[in-house]
Amino acid sequence: MSQLIIEMDSDEDEALLIQLLPRLNGRLVERKPIPHKEQLKDVLERIIQAGGAGESFGNPSEWQREIRSWDRVLDGREE
C-alpha cells in the first residue's frame, strides 16, 4: 500500500479524480485544503487600488536633508 499527496489546480479535476478512486481500488484518506497564496499581481493590484506606495515613503527631499544633518564635518573642512 502507498499514499500519495496530489495537488489539483481546479475543482473539476479534483472531482474527476475522486470519482475514479473506487475504480482504482483507492480511497480518500484525508483532504486538506491548501490556503490560497496571494500572487504578486494580486499584491500589486491591491497597492495600486490603495493609491500606490509613493505616499507611504514621504518627501524624498526631506529625508535627504535629515540624513545629511547626521553627517559630521570632516577634518580640514568648514561647515
N, C-alpha and C. Protein backbone atom coordinates (compact mmCIF):
# COMPACT_ATOMS: atom_id res chain seq x y z
N MET A 1 0.84 -1.17 0.00
CA MET A 1 0.00 0.00 0.00
C MET A 1 0.89 1.24 0.00
N SER A 2 0.42 2.30 -0.63
CA SER A 2 1.15 3.56 -0.64
C SER A 2 0.16 4.71 -0.52
N GLN A 3 0.66 5.85 -0.08
CA GLN A 3 -0.14 7.05 0.00
C GLN A 3 0.49 8.10 -0.89
N LEU A 4 -0.35 8.86 -1.55
CA LEU A 4 0.11 9.90 -2.47
C LEU A 4 -0.41 11.25 -2.00
N ILE A 5 0.38 12.27 -2.20
CA ILE A 5 -0.06 13.64 -1.97
C ILE A 5 -0.18 14.28 -3.34
N ILE A 6 -1.37 14.72 -3.69
CA ILE A 6 -1.63 15.25 -5.03
C ILE A 6 -2.22 16.65 -4.89
N GLU A 7 -1.69 17.58 -5.66
CA GLU A 7 -2.25 18.93 -5.73
C GLU A 7 -3.07 19.05 -7.00
N MET A 8 -4.25 19.61 -6.87
CA MET A 8 -5.12 19.81 -8.03
C MET A 8 -5.37 21.30 -8.19
N ASP A 9 -5.28 21.78 -9.41
CA ASP A 9 -5.47 23.21 -9.66
C ASP A 9 -6.94 23.59 -9.79
N SER A 10 -7.79 22.64 -10.17
CA SER A 10 -9.19 23.00 -10.35
C SER A 10 -10.10 22.02 -9.61
N ASP A 11 -11.24 22.52 -9.21
CA ASP A 11 -12.22 21.68 -8.52
C ASP A 11 -12.75 20.58 -9.42
N GLU A 12 -12.85 20.86 -10.72
CA GLU A 12 -13.35 19.86 -11.67
C GLU A 12 -12.40 18.66 -11.75
N ASP A 13 -11.10 18.94 -11.80
CA ASP A 13 -10.12 17.86 -11.85
C ASP A 13 -10.14 17.03 -10.56
N GLU A 14 -10.32 17.71 -9.43
CA GLU A 14 -10.38 17.01 -8.15
C GLU A 14 -11.60 16.10 -8.10
N ALA A 15 -12.75 16.60 -8.57
CA ALA A 15 -13.97 15.78 -8.57
C ALA A 15 -13.80 14.56 -9.47
N LEU A 16 -13.16 14.74 -10.61
CA LEU A 16 -12.93 13.61 -11.52
C LEU A 16 -12.03 12.56 -10.87
N LEU A 17 -10.99 12.99 -10.20
CA LEU A 17 -10.08 12.07 -9.53
C LEU A 17 -10.80 11.29 -8.43
N ILE A 18 -11.63 11.97 -7.65
CA ILE A 18 -12.37 11.31 -6.58
C ILE A 18 -13.35 10.29 -7.15
N GLN A 19 -13.94 10.58 -8.31
CA GLN A 19 -14.84 9.62 -8.96
C GLN A 19 -14.08 8.38 -9.43
N LEU A 20 -12.83 8.54 -9.80
CA LEU A 20 -12.03 7.42 -10.30
C LEU A 20 -11.47 6.53 -9.19
N LEU A 21 -11.38 7.03 -7.99
CA LEU A 21 -10.77 6.27 -6.89
C LEU A 21 -11.39 4.89 -6.68
N PRO A 22 -12.71 4.74 -6.62
CA PRO A 22 -13.26 3.40 -6.41
C PRO A 22 -12.91 2.42 -7.54
N ARG A 23 -12.84 2.89 -8.76
CA ARG A 23 -12.49 2.01 -9.88
C ARG A 23 -11.04 1.55 -9.81
N LEU A 24 -10.21 2.34 -9.12
CA LEU A 24 -8.79 2.00 -8.98
C LEU A 24 -8.49 1.36 -7.63
N ASN A 25 -9.53 0.96 -6.91
CA ASN A 25 -9.40 0.38 -5.57
C ASN A 25 -8.69 1.35 -4.62
N GLY A 26 -9.00 2.62 -4.75
CA GLY A 26 -8.41 3.64 -3.89
C GLY A 26 -9.48 4.27 -3.03
N ARG A 27 -9.05 4.99 -2.04
CA ARG A 27 -9.98 5.70 -1.16
C ARG A 27 -9.33 7.00 -0.71
N LEU A 28 -10.18 7.92 -0.37
CA LEU A 28 -9.71 9.21 0.13
C LEU A 28 -9.50 9.08 1.62
N VAL A 29 -8.27 9.25 2.08
CA VAL A 29 -7.93 9.11 3.49
C VAL A 29 -8.12 10.43 4.21
N GLU A 30 -7.64 11.52 3.62
CA GLU A 30 -7.70 12.82 4.27
C GLU A 30 -7.69 13.90 3.19
N ARG A 31 -8.45 14.94 3.41
CA ARG A 31 -8.49 16.08 2.49
C ARG A 31 -8.09 17.32 3.26
N LYS A 32 -7.00 17.95 2.82
CA LYS A 32 -6.52 19.18 3.45
C LYS A 32 -6.58 20.30 2.43
N PRO A 33 -7.44 21.27 2.63
CA PRO A 33 -7.43 22.41 1.71
C PRO A 33 -6.17 23.24 1.92
N ILE A 34 -5.55 23.64 0.84
CA ILE A 34 -4.35 24.46 0.90
C ILE A 34 -4.78 25.92 0.89
N PRO A 35 -4.31 26.72 1.85
CA PRO A 35 -4.69 28.14 1.86
C PRO A 35 -4.20 28.83 0.58
N HIS A 36 -5.02 29.75 0.11
CA HIS A 36 -4.69 30.47 -1.12
C HIS A 36 -3.48 31.37 -0.88
N LYS A 37 -2.45 31.21 -1.72
CA LYS A 37 -1.28 32.06 -1.65
C LYS A 37 -1.52 33.25 -2.57
N GLU A 38 -1.29 34.42 -2.02
CA GLU A 38 -1.52 35.63 -2.79
C GLU A 38 -0.42 35.77 -3.85
N GLN A 39 -0.82 36.00 -5.07
CA GLN A 39 0.12 36.15 -6.18
C GLN A 39 0.64 37.58 -6.21
N LEU A 40 1.81 37.76 -6.80
CA LEU A 40 2.41 39.09 -6.89
C LEU A 40 1.48 40.07 -7.60
N LYS A 41 0.83 39.61 -8.66
CA LYS A 41 -0.06 40.51 -9.40
C LYS A 41 -1.22 40.98 -8.51
N ASP A 42 -1.69 40.11 -7.60
CA ASP A 42 -2.76 40.50 -6.68
C ASP A 42 -2.28 41.54 -5.68
N VAL A 43 -1.06 41.36 -5.20
CA VAL A 43 -0.48 42.33 -4.25
C VAL A 43 -0.29 43.68 -4.92
N LEU A 44 0.25 43.68 -6.13
CA LEU A 44 0.46 44.94 -6.85
C LEU A 44 -0.86 45.62 -7.16
N GLU A 45 -1.87 44.86 -7.53
CA GLU A 45 -3.18 45.43 -7.82
C GLU A 45 -3.77 46.08 -6.56
N ARG A 46 -3.59 45.42 -5.41
CA ARG A 46 -4.10 45.97 -4.15
C ARG A 46 -3.38 47.28 -3.82
N ILE A 47 -2.07 47.34 -4.05
CA ILE A 47 -1.30 48.57 -3.79
C ILE A 47 -1.77 49.69 -4.71
N ILE A 48 -1.99 49.36 -5.97
CA ILE A 48 -2.45 50.37 -6.93
C ILE A 48 -3.83 50.89 -6.53
N GLN A 49 -4.74 49.99 -6.14
CA GLN A 49 -6.09 50.39 -5.74
C GLN A 49 -6.07 51.28 -4.50
N ALA A 50 -5.06 51.09 -3.65
CA ALA A 50 -4.95 51.90 -2.43
C ALA A 50 -4.29 53.25 -2.69
N GLY A 51 -3.92 53.53 -3.92
CA GLY A 51 -3.33 54.83 -4.24
C GLY A 51 -1.84 54.77 -4.45
N GLY A 52 -1.25 53.60 -4.47
CA GLY A 52 0.18 53.46 -4.72
C GLY A 52 0.99 53.49 -3.44
N ALA A 53 2.27 53.26 -3.60
CA ALA A 53 3.17 53.18 -2.44
C ALA A 53 3.90 54.49 -2.20
N GLY A 54 3.82 55.44 -3.11
CA GLY A 54 4.59 56.67 -3.01
C GLY A 54 4.30 57.48 -1.76
N GLU A 55 3.06 57.56 -1.36
CA GLU A 55 2.69 58.37 -0.19
C GLU A 55 3.27 57.82 1.10
N SER A 56 3.46 56.52 1.17
CA SER A 56 3.94 55.93 2.42
C SER A 56 5.41 56.25 2.67
N PHE A 57 6.14 56.66 1.64
CA PHE A 57 7.57 56.95 1.81
C PHE A 57 7.83 58.39 2.18
N GLY A 58 6.90 59.28 1.96
CA GLY A 58 7.08 60.68 2.32
C GLY A 58 7.86 61.43 1.25
N ASN A 59 8.34 62.62 1.63
CA ASN A 59 9.04 63.50 0.72
C ASN A 59 10.52 63.12 0.68
N PRO A 60 11.06 62.74 -0.49
CA PRO A 60 12.45 62.34 -0.56
C PRO A 60 13.43 63.47 -0.22
N SER A 61 13.07 64.70 -0.53
CA SER A 61 13.96 65.83 -0.21
C SER A 61 14.11 66.01 1.29
N GLU A 62 13.00 65.87 2.01
CA GLU A 62 13.07 65.98 3.47
C GLU A 62 13.91 64.86 4.06
N TRP A 63 13.75 63.66 3.54
CA TRP A 63 14.54 62.53 4.02
C TRP A 63 16.03 62.78 3.80
N GLN A 64 16.38 63.28 2.61
CA GLN A 64 17.78 63.53 2.30
C GLN A 64 18.36 64.61 3.21
N ARG A 65 17.60 65.69 3.47
CA ARG A 65 18.09 66.73 4.38
C ARG A 65 18.31 66.18 5.78
N GLU A 66 17.40 65.33 6.24
CA GLU A 66 17.55 64.74 7.57
C GLU A 66 18.79 63.85 7.64
N ILE A 67 18.99 63.02 6.65
CA ILE A 67 20.13 62.12 6.63
C ILE A 67 21.44 62.91 6.59
N ARG A 68 21.47 63.95 5.78
CA ARG A 68 22.70 64.76 5.68
C ARG A 68 22.98 65.52 6.96
N SER A 69 21.96 65.80 7.76
CA SER A 69 22.19 66.52 9.02
C SER A 69 22.97 65.65 10.01
N TRP A 70 22.98 64.36 9.79
CA TRP A 70 23.72 63.45 10.67
C TRP A 70 25.21 63.42 10.33
N ASP A 71 25.57 63.90 9.14
CA ASP A 71 26.97 63.86 8.72
C ASP A 71 27.83 64.73 9.64
N ARG A 72 29.04 64.27 9.86
CA ARG A 72 29.96 65.08 10.66
C ARG A 72 30.85 65.87 9.70
N VAL A 73 31.40 66.96 10.21
CA VAL A 73 32.30 67.79 9.43
C VAL A 73 33.65 67.09 9.37
N LEU A 74 34.20 66.95 8.17
CA LEU A 74 35.49 66.29 8.01
C LEU A 74 36.61 67.24 8.43
N ASP A 75 37.71 66.68 8.89
CA ASP A 75 38.87 67.48 9.30
C ASP A 75 39.35 68.32 8.14
N GLY A 76 39.65 69.58 8.42
CA GLY A 76 40.16 70.49 7.42
C GLY A 76 39.08 71.15 6.57
N ARG A 77 37.84 70.87 6.86
CA ARG A 77 36.74 71.50 6.12
C ARG A 77 35.87 72.28 7.06
N GLU A 78 35.36 73.38 6.57
CA GLU A 78 34.44 74.18 7.35
C GLU A 78 33.02 73.85 6.98
N GLU A 79 32.14 74.09 7.89
CA GLU A 79 30.74 73.80 7.64
C GLU A 79 30.09 74.85 6.80
